[in-house]
C-alpha atoms as a PDB file:
ATOM      1  CA  UNK A   1       0.024  -0.029   0.010  1.00  0.00           C
ATOM      2  CA  UNK A   2       2.575   2.400   0.773  1.00  0.00           C
ATOM      3  CA  UNK A   3       6.150   3.471  -0.632  1.00  0.00           C
ATOM      4  CA  UNK A   4       8.156   5.788   1.136  1.00  0.00           C
ATOM      5  CA  UNK A   5      10.057   7.298  -2.065  1.00  0.00           C
ATOM      6  CA  UNK A   6      13.294   9.214  -2.140  1.00  0.00           C
ATOM      7  CA  UNK A   7      14.190  11.888   0.433  1.00  0.00           C
ATOM      8  CA  UNK A   8      16.025  14.738  -1.302  1.00  0.00           C
ATOM      9  CA  UNK A   9      17.052  18.053   0.075  1.00  0.00           C
ATOM     10  CA  UNK A  10      13.948  19.894  -0.130  1.00  0.00           C
ATOM     11  CA  UNK A  11      11.980  16.857   2.072  1.00  0.00           C
ATOM     12  CA  UNK A  12       9.889  15.828  -0.643  1.00  0.00           C
ATOM     13  CA  UNK A  13       9.220  11.991  -1.493  1.00  0.00           C
ATOM     14  CA  UNK A  14       8.981  11.086  -4.894  1.00  0.00           C
ATOM     15  CA  UNK A  15       6.253   9.236  -6.429  1.00  0.00           C
ATOM     16  CA  UNK A  16       2.422   9.096  -5.776  1.00  0.00           C
ATOM     17  CA  UNK A  17      -0.005   6.822  -4.089  1.00  0.00           C
ATOM     18  CA  UNK A  18      -2.660   5.181  -6.450  1.00  0.00           C
ATOM     19  CA  UNK A  19      -5.278   7.897  -5.263  1.00  0.00           C
ATOM     20  CA  UNK A  20      -3.899  10.272  -2.642  1.00  0.00           C
ATOM     21  CA  UNK A  21      -6.146  11.861  -0.023  1.00  0.00           C
ATOM     22  CA  UNK A  22      -4.650  14.352   2.041  1.00  0.00           C
ATOM     23  CA  UNK A  23      -6.728  13.903   5.248  1.00  0.00           C
ATOM     24  CA  UNK A  24      -4.545  11.815   7.384  1.00  0.00           C
ATOM     25  CA  UNK A  25      -4.276  12.850  11.008  1.00  0.00           C
ATOM     26  CA  UNK A  26      -0.878  13.470  12.450  1.00  0.00           C
ATOM     27  CA  UNK A  27      -0.990  10.645  14.682  1.00  0.00           C
ATOM     28  CA  UNK A  28      -1.384   7.930  11.885  1.00  0.00           C
ATOM     29  CA  UNK A  29       1.793   6.395  12.863  1.00  0.00           C
ATOM     30  CA  UNK A  30       1.865   3.917   9.741  1.00  0.00           C
ATOM     31  CA  UNK A  31       0.813   6.463   7.202  1.00  0.00           C
ATOM     32  CA  UNK A  32       3.224   9.468   8.372  1.00  0.00           C
ATOM     33  CA  UNK A  33       6.181   6.846   8.657  1.00  0.00           C
ATOM     34  CA  UNK A  34       5.960   5.416   5.215  1.00  0.00           C
ATOM     35  CA  UNK A  35       5.096   8.771   3.361  1.00  0.00           C
ATOM     36  CA  UNK A  36       6.350  11.394   5.886  1.00  0.00           C
ATOM     37  CA  UNK A  37       7.045  14.238   3.631  1.00  0.00           C
ATOM     38  CA  UNK A  38       5.028  13.767   0.489  1.00  0.00           C
ATOM     39  CA  UNK A  39       2.914  17.020   0.173  1.00  0.00           C
ATOM     40  CA  UNK A  40       0.213  15.283  -1.906  1.00  0.00           C
ATOM     41  CA  UNK A  41      -0.252  12.762   0.933  1.00  0.00           C
ATOM     42  CA  UNK A  42       1.184  13.850   4.286  1.00  0.00           C
ATOM     43  CA  UNK A  43      -0.315  15.767   7.206  1.00  0.00           C
ATOM     44  CA  UNK A  44       2.996  17.517   7.604  1.00  0.00           C
ATOM     45  CA  UNK A  45       3.436  21.163   5.976  1.00  0.00           C
ATOM     46  CA  UNK A  46       6.656  20.720   4.405  1.00  0.00           C
ATOM     47  CA  UNK A  47       7.050  24.542   3.327  1.00  0.00           C
ATOM     48  CA  UNK A  48       7.116  25.005   7.018  1.00  0.00           C
ATOM     49  CA  UNK A  49       9.833  22.466   8.020  1.00  0.00           C
ATOM     50  CA  UNK A  50      12.973  23.944   9.055  1.00  0.00           C
ATOM     51  CA  UNK A  51      16.166  22.150  10.676  1.00  0.00           C
ATOM     52  CA  UNK A  52      16.771  22.589  14.248  1.00  0.00           C
ATOM     53  CA  UNK A  53      19.419  20.273  14.955  1.00  0.00           C
ATOM     54  CA  UNK A  54      21.290  18.414  12.064  1.00  0.00           C
ATOM     55  CA  UNK A  55      23.272  16.068  14.555  1.00  0.00           C
ATOM     56  CA  UNK A  56      21.145  15.094  17.523  1.00  0.00           C
ATOM     57  CA  UNK A  57      21.748  11.602  19.108  1.00  0.00           C
ATOM     58  CA  UNK A  58      18.526   9.470  19.918  1.00  0.00           C
ATOM     59  CA  UNK A  59      18.941   6.294  21.232  1.00  0.00           C
ATOM     60  CA  UNK A  60      22.223   5.868  19.677  1.00  0.00           C
ATOM     61  CA  UNK A  61      21.252   6.770  16.419  1.00  0.00           C
ATOM     62  CA  UNK A  62      22.398  10.184  14.535  1.00  0.00           C
ATOM     63  CA  UNK A  63      18.995  12.112  13.846  1.00  0.00           C
ATOM     64  CA  UNK A  64      18.132  15.335  11.904  1.00  0.00           C
ATOM     65  CA  UNK A  65      15.461  17.327  13.858  1.00  0.00           C
ATOM     66  CA  UNK A  66      13.013  19.214  11.536  1.00  0.00           C
ATOM     67  CA  UNK A  67      10.648  21.483  13.125  1.00  0.00           C
ATOM     68  CA  UNK A  68       7.265  22.112  11.687  1.00  0.00           C
ATOM     69  CA  UNK A  69       6.813  25.667  12.878  1.00  0.00           C
ATOM     70  CA  UNK A  70       3.461  27.196  14.019  1.00  0.00           C
ATOM     71  CA  UNK A  71       1.872  30.124  16.223  1.00  0.00           C
ATOM     72  CA  UNK A  72       0.695  28.199  19.084  1.00  0.00           C
ATOM     73  CA  UNK A  73       0.648  24.444  17.939  1.00  0.00           C
ATOM     74  CA  UNK A  74       3.785  22.910  16.444  1.00  0.00           C
ATOM     75  CA  UNK A  75       5.721  19.732  15.877  1.00  0.00           C
ATOM     76  CA  UNK A  76       9.331  18.001  15.785  1.00  0.00           C
ATOM     77  CA  UNK A  77      10.499  15.161  13.858  1.00  0.00           C
ATOM     78  CA  UNK A  78      13.699  13.169  14.478  1.00  0.00           C
ATOM     79  CA  UNK A  79      14.600  11.272  11.272  1.00  0.00           C
ATOM     80  CA  UNK A  80      17.626   8.934  10.889  1.00  0.00           C
ATOM     81  CA  UNK A  81      19.623   9.453   7.659  1.00  0.00           C
ATOM     82  CA  UNK A  82      21.049   5.809   7.897  1.00  0.00           C
ATOM     83  CA  UNK A  83      17.422   4.367   7.913  1.00  0.00           C
ATOM     84  CA  UNK A  84      16.094   5.740   5.000  1.00  0.00           C
ATOM     85  CA  UNK A  85      15.367   8.718   6.729  1.00  0.00           C
ATOM     86  CA  UNK A  86      12.956   7.106   8.930  1.00  0.00           C
ATOM     87  CA  UNK A  87      11.174   9.063  11.616  1.00  0.00           C
ATOM     88  CA  UNK A  88      12.068   7.607  15.052  1.00  0.00           C
ATOM     89  CA  UNK A  89      10.181  10.161  17.221  1.00  0.00           C
ATOM     90  CA  UNK A  90       7.631  12.764  16.562  1.00  0.00           C
ATOM     91  CA  UNK A  91       6.280  15.067  19.140  1.00  0.00           C
ATOM     92  CA  UNK A  92       3.472  17.731  19.320  1.00  0.00           C
ATOM     93  CA  UNK A  93       3.450  20.691  21.352  1.00  0.00           C
ATOM     94  CA  UNK A  94       0.827  23.357  22.340  1.00  0.00           C
ATOM     95  CA  UNK A  95       2.409  26.528  23.870  1.00  0.00           C
ATOM     96  CA  UNK A  96       5.574  24.969  24.354  1.00  0.00           C
ATOM     97  CA  UNK A  97       4.038  22.215  26.345  1.00  0.00           C
ATOM     98  CA  UNK A  98       4.272  18.374  25.127  1.00  0.00           C
ATOM     99  CA  UNK A  99       0.803  17.157  24.120  1.00  0.00           C
ATOM    100  CA  UNK A 100       2.119  13.904  22.113  1.00  0.00           C
ATOM    101  CA  UNK A 101       4.939  11.965  21.578  1.00  0.00           C
ATOM    102  CA  UNK A 102       5.395   8.889  19.399  1.00  0.00           C
ATOM    103  CA  UNK A 103       8.738   6.570  19.484  1.00  0.00           C
ATOM    104  CA  UNK A 104       9.205   4.177  16.557  1.00  0.00           C
ATOM    105  CA  UNK A 105      11.938   1.355  15.991  1.00  0.00           C
ATOM    106  CA  UNK A 106      12.533  -0.026  12.601  1.00  0.00           C
ATOM    107  CA  UNK A 107      13.790  -3.330  11.344  1.00  0.00           C
ATOM    108  CA  UNK A 108      15.543  -3.734   8.097  1.00  0.00           C
ATOM    109  CA  UNK A 109      13.694  -5.641   5.260  1.00  0.00           C
ATOM    110  CA  UNK A 110      16.119  -6.862   2.460  1.00  0.00           C
ATOM    111  CA  UNK A 111      13.896  -5.564  -0.250  1.00  0.00           C
ATOM    112  CA  UNK A 112      11.847  -2.683   0.879  1.00  0.00           C
ATOM    113  CA  UNK A 113      14.273  -1.103   3.446  1.00  0.00           C
ATOM    114  CA  UNK A 114      13.564   0.011   6.790  1.00  0.00           C
ATOM    115  CA  UNK A 115      10.155  -0.734   8.076  1.00  0.00           C
ATOM    116  CA  UNK A 116       8.365   0.100  11.499  1.00  0.00           C
ATOM    117  CA  UNK A 117       8.906  -2.821  13.805  1.00  0.00           C
ATOM    118  CA  UNK A 118       7.379  -1.278  17.303  1.00  0.00           C
ATOM    119  CA  UNK A 119       6.366   1.825  18.717  1.00  0.00           C
ATOM    120  CA  UNK A 120       4.886   3.493  21.782  1.00  0.00           C
ATOM    121  CA  UNK A 121       2.735   6.607  22.053  1.00  0.00           C
ATOM    122  CA  UNK A 122       1.625   8.746  24.791  1.00  0.00           C
ATOM    123  CA  UNK A 123      -0.653  11.900  24.991  1.00  0.00           C
ATOM    124  CA  UNK A 124      -0.558  14.511  27.697  1.00  0.00           C
ATOM    125  CA  UNK A 125      -3.330  16.708  29.088  1.00  0.00           C
ATOM    126  CA  UNK A 126      -1.443  19.739  29.944  1.00  0.00           C
ATOM    127  CA  UNK A 127       2.112  21.142  30.961  1.00  0.00           C
ATOM    128  CA  UNK A 128       2.099  19.143  33.978  1.00  0.00           C
ATOM    129  CA  UNK A 129       2.300  16.126  31.603  1.00  0.00           C
ATOM    130  CA  UNK A 130      -0.822  14.487  33.003  1.00  0.00           C
ATOM    131  CA  UNK A 131      -1.300  11.287  30.785  1.00  0.00           C
ATOM    132  CA  UNK A 132      -4.280  10.832  28.774  1.00  0.00           C
ATOM    133  CA  UNK A 133      -3.769   7.516  27.404  1.00  0.00           C
ATOM    134  CA  UNK A 134      -0.509   5.645  26.179  1.00  0.00           C
ATOM    135  CA  UNK A 135       0.030   2.603  24.080  1.00  0.00           C
ATOM    136  CA  UNK A 136       2.835   0.305  23.027  1.00  0.00           C
ATOM    137  CA  UNK A 137       2.477  -1.754  19.782  1.00  0.00           C
ATOM    138  CA  UNK A 138       4.656  -4.680  18.359  1.00  0.00           C
ATOM    139  CA  UNK A 139       4.523  -5.866  14.639  1.00  0.00           C
ATOM    140  CA  UNK A 140       4.020  -9.496  14.592  1.00  0.00           C
ATOM    141  CA  UNK A 141       3.522  -9.841  10.896  1.00  0.00           C
ATOM    142  CA  UNK A 142       3.945  -7.233   7.740  1.00  0.00           C
ATOM    143  CA  UNK A 143       3.501  -7.370   4.070  1.00  0.00           C
ATOM    144  CA  UNK A 144       4.857  -4.570   1.757  1.00  0.00           C
ATOM    145  CA  UNK A 145       3.201  -3.288  -1.427  1.00  0.00           C
ATOM    146  CA  UNK A 146       0.744  -6.411  -1.877  1.00  0.00           C
ATOM    147  CA  UNK A 147      -1.812  -6.427  -4.375  1.00  0.00           C
ATOM    148  CA  UNK A 148      -5.264  -5.917  -2.756  1.00  0.00           C
ATOM    149  CA  UNK A 149      -8.841  -6.010  -4.686  1.00  0.00           C
ATOM    150  CA  UNK A 150     -10.664  -2.688  -4.378  1.00  0.00           C
ATOM    151  CA  UNK A 151     -13.495  -4.512  -2.626  1.00  0.00           C
ATOM    152  CA  UNK A 152     -10.872  -4.785   0.437  1.00  0.00           C
ATOM    153  CA  UNK A 153     -11.450  -0.979   1.165  1.00  0.00           C
ATOM    154  CA  UNK A 154     -15.316  -0.843   0.343  1.00  0.00           C
ATOM    155  CA  UNK A 155     -17.192  -0.433   3.728  1.00  0.00           C
ATOM    156  CA  UNK A 156     -20.632  -1.296   4.351  1.00  0.00           C
ATOM    157  CA  UNK A 157     -21.742   0.049   7.311  1.00  0.00           C
ATOM    158  CA  UNK A 158     -25.236  -1.607   9.202  1.00  0.00           C
ATOM    159  CA  UNK A 159     -28.342   0.185   9.800  1.00  0.00           C
ATOM    160  CA  UNK A 160     -27.805   2.413  12.912  1.00  0.00           C
ATOM    161  CA  UNK A 161     -24.334   3.272  12.016  1.00  0.00           C
ATOM    162  CA  UNK A 162     -23.627   6.944  12.503  1.00  0.00           C
ATOM    163  CA  UNK A 163     -20.226   7.982  10.319  1.00  0.00           C
ATOM    164  CA  UNK A 164     -18.326  10.746   8.846  1.00  0.00           C
ATOM    165  CA  UNK A 165     -16.867  10.858   5.054  1.00  0.00           C
ATOM    166  CA  UNK A 166     -13.904  12.668   5.255  1.00  0.00           C
ATOM    167  CA  UNK A 167     -13.651  12.958   1.384  1.00  0.00           C
ATOM    168  CA  UNK A 168     -16.735  14.808   1.156  1.00  0.00           C
ATOM    169  CA  UNK A 169     -16.713  16.149   4.776  1.00  0.00           C
ATOM    170  CA  UNK A 170     -20.368  15.018   5.350  1.00  0.00           C
ATOM    171  CA  UNK A 171     -21.660  13.060   8.187  1.00  0.00           C
ATOM    172  CA  UNK A 172     -24.471  10.486   7.720  1.00  0.00           C
ATOM    173  CA  UNK A 173     -26.392   7.578   9.499  1.00  0.00           C
ATOM    174  CA  UNK A 174     -27.492   4.606   7.666  1.00  0.00           C
ATOM    175  CA  UNK A 175     -31.294   4.246   7.858  1.00  0.00           C
ATOM    176  CA  UNK A 176     -33.002   0.681   8.310  1.00  0.00           C
ATOM    177  CA  UNK A 177     -33.613   0.790   4.655  1.00  0.00           C
ATOM    178  CA  UNK A 178     -29.762   1.101   3.961  1.00  0.00           C
ATOM    179  CA  UNK A 179     -30.165   4.781   2.757  1.00  0.00           C
ATOM    180  CA  UNK A 180     -28.264   7.657   4.279  1.00  0.00           C
ATOM    181  CA  UNK A 181     -29.903  10.398   6.438  1.00  0.00           C
ATOM    182  CA  UNK A 182     -27.489  13.384   6.253  1.00  0.00           C
ATOM    183  CA  UNK A 183     -26.465  14.765   9.203  1.00  0.00           C
ATOM    184  CA  UNK A 184     -25.756  18.688   9.012  1.00  0.00           C
ATOM    185  CA  UNK A 185     -23.234  20.517  11.256  1.00  0.00           C
ATOM    186  CA  UNK A 186     -26.097  22.934  12.218  1.00  0.00           C
ATOM    187  CA  UNK A 187     -27.729  20.108  13.688  1.00  0.00           C
ATOM    188  CA  UNK A 188     -24.847  19.038  15.661  1.00  0.00           C
ATOM    189  CA  UNK A 189     -24.366  22.735  17.176  1.00  0.00           C
ATOM    190  CA  UNK A 190     -27.806  22.775  18.380  1.00  0.00           C
ATOM    191  CA  UNK A 191     -26.907  19.662  20.364  1.00  0.00           C
ATOM    192  CA  UNK A 192     -29.235  16.782  18.652  1.00  0.00           C
ATOM    193  CA  UNK A 193     -28.718  13.395  19.657  1.00  0.00           C
ATOM    194  CA  UNK A 194     -28.652  10.107  17.454  1.00  0.00           C
ATOM    195  CA  UNK A 195     -32.323   9.858  18.482  1.00  0.00           C
ATOM    196  CA  UNK A 196     -33.213  13.543  17.543  1.00  0.00           C
ATOM    197  CA  UNK A 197     -31.384  12.890  14.297  1.00  0.00           C
ATOM    198  CA  UNK A 198     -33.255   9.684  13.321  1.00  0.00           C
ATOM    199  CA  UNK A 199     -36.633  11.077  13.868  1.00  0.00           C
ATOM    200  CA  UNK A 200     -36.404  14.074  12.180  1.00  0.00           C
ATOM    201  CA  UNK A 201     -36.171  15.442   8.492  1.00  0.00           C
ATOM    202  CA  UNK A 202     -32.732  16.481   7.413  1.00  0.00           C
ATOM    203  CA  UNK A 203     -31.705  20.170   8.936  1.00  0.00           C
ATOM    204  CA  UNK A 204     -34.884  20.032  11.623  1.00  0.00           C
ATOM    205  CA  UNK A 205     -33.055  17.965  14.460  1.00  0.00           C
ATOM    206  CA  UNK A 206     -33.190  20.024  17.434  1.00  0.00           C
ATOM    207  CA  UNK A 207     -34.928  23.049  15.667  1.00  0.00           C
ATOM    208  CA  UNK A 208     -36.411  25.611  18.051  1.00  0.00           C
ATOM    209  CA  UNK A 209     -40.339  25.807  18.059  1.00  0.00           C
ATOM    210  CA  UNK A 210     -40.263  29.176  17.290  1.00  0.00           C
ATOM    211  CA  UNK A 211     -38.316  28.494  14.030  1.00  0.00           C
ATOM    212  CA  UNK A 212     -40.011  25.584  13.261  1.00  0.00           C
ATOM    213  CA  UNK A 213     -43.612  27.773  13.408  1.00  0.00           C
ATOM    214  CA  UNK A 214     -41.775  30.390  11.254  1.00  0.00           C
ATOM    215  CA  UNK A 215     -40.609  27.883   8.550  1.00  0.00           C
ATOM    216  CA  UNK A 216     -44.117  26.371   8.476  1.00  0.00           C
ATOM    217  CA  UNK A 217     -45.725  29.726   8.322  1.00  0.00           C
ATOM    218  CA  UNK A 218     -43.318  30.890   5.370  1.00  0.00           C
ATOM    219  CA  UNK A 219     -43.927  27.396   3.226  1.00  0.00           C
ATOM    220  CA  UNK A 220     -47.696  27.981   4.158  1.00  0.00           C
ATOM    221  CA  UNK A 221     -47.763  31.246   2.557  1.00  0.00           C
ATOM    222  CA  UNK A 222     -45.668  29.805  -0.461  1.00  0.00           C
ATOM    223  CA  UNK A 223     -48.029  27.062  -1.155  1.00  0.00           C
ATOM    224  CA  UNK A 224     -50.995  29.610  -0.729  1.00  0.00           C
ATOM    225  CA  UNK A 225     -49.001  31.958  -3.476  1.00  0.00           C
ATOM    226  CA  UNK A 226     -48.843  28.856  -5.732  1.00  0.00           C
ATOM    227  CA  UNK A 227     -52.471  27.749  -5.336  1.00  0.00           C
ATOM    228  CA  UNK A 228     -53.682  31.297  -5.973  1.00  0.00           C
ATOM    229  CA  UNK A 229     -51.514  31.837  -9.127  1.00  0.00           C
ATOM    230  CA  UNK A 230     -52.944  28.603 -10.184  1.00  0.00           C
ATOM    231  CA  UNK A 231     -56.500  29.688  -9.566  1.00  0.00           C
ATOM    232  CA  UNK A 232     -55.981  32.858 -11.337  1.00  0.00           C
ATOM    233  CA  UNK A 233     -54.102  30.979 -14.287  1.00  0.00           C
ATOM    234  CA  UNK A 234     -57.011  28.504 -14.602  1.00  0.00           C
ATOM    235  CA  UNK A 235     -59.806  31.506 -14.405  1.00  0.00           C
ATOM    236  CA  UNK A 236     -58.119  33.201 -17.290  1.00  0.00           C
ATOM    237  CA  UNK A 237     -58.112  29.962 -19.308  1.00  0.00           C
ATOM    238  CA  UNK A 238     -61.865  29.554 -18.734  1.00  0.00           C
ATOM    239  CA  UNK A 239     -62.544  33.016 -19.575  1.00  0.00           C
ATOM    240  CA  UNK A 240     -60.571  32.682 -22.863  1.00  0.00           C
ATOM    241  CA  UNK A 241     -62.675  29.412 -23.684  1.00  0.00           C
ATOM    242  CA  UNK A 242     -65.868  31.467 -23.287  1.00  0.00           C
ATOM    243  CA  UNK A 243     -65.023  34.170 -25.568  1.00  0.00           C
ATOM    244  CA  UNK A 244     -64.079  31.756 -28.094  1.00  0.00           C
END
């Protein structure tokens, strides 16, 4: 699925994924470590990267430390030149406080180079480093660049599932007949629950009562105008027939 590509002086990877979509979260470890600096694919803003330490040492390996500068949020990446520029650590900060850190170890694959072998992550709540959650993972089996049928990635959600499609930036709920009930952001802003959404038309969940009345009033006026116009047109048509 992934191909790290080449790493040049401008920190761009060469090559393209079959159909790249730039919607990957910065904490998606496998994605960020296989395509770390491909502008079409990576969550990293390559244009904002700068070298802050060209010869750091981490776990005995020489690293280049890159920083993605930002006003209040920023990230750092430790990459190892001797391991195909693999990212062995990346960290996120908010107002100089560490909020997330991932450490990754790699093993060498004779055909595909360095691939992730294990990693640990930790998220912090505040500057006091109160831990929100942490995890440790170990790869027990891996396959690189294997052929997969498109159906492998076709998801069919059962009725009652609430999902969000990052490609179209729309949310939806799967109804009992397997059609999708679109969920508008304004409904979520009103505090609509799952029950509210499934029992109301699109856009109407948690609609204020006075707003409902106003909508019905406007719809009523519109229908009245349409009916009146139809009656007038019919009257003119009958009058024309009588004249003939």
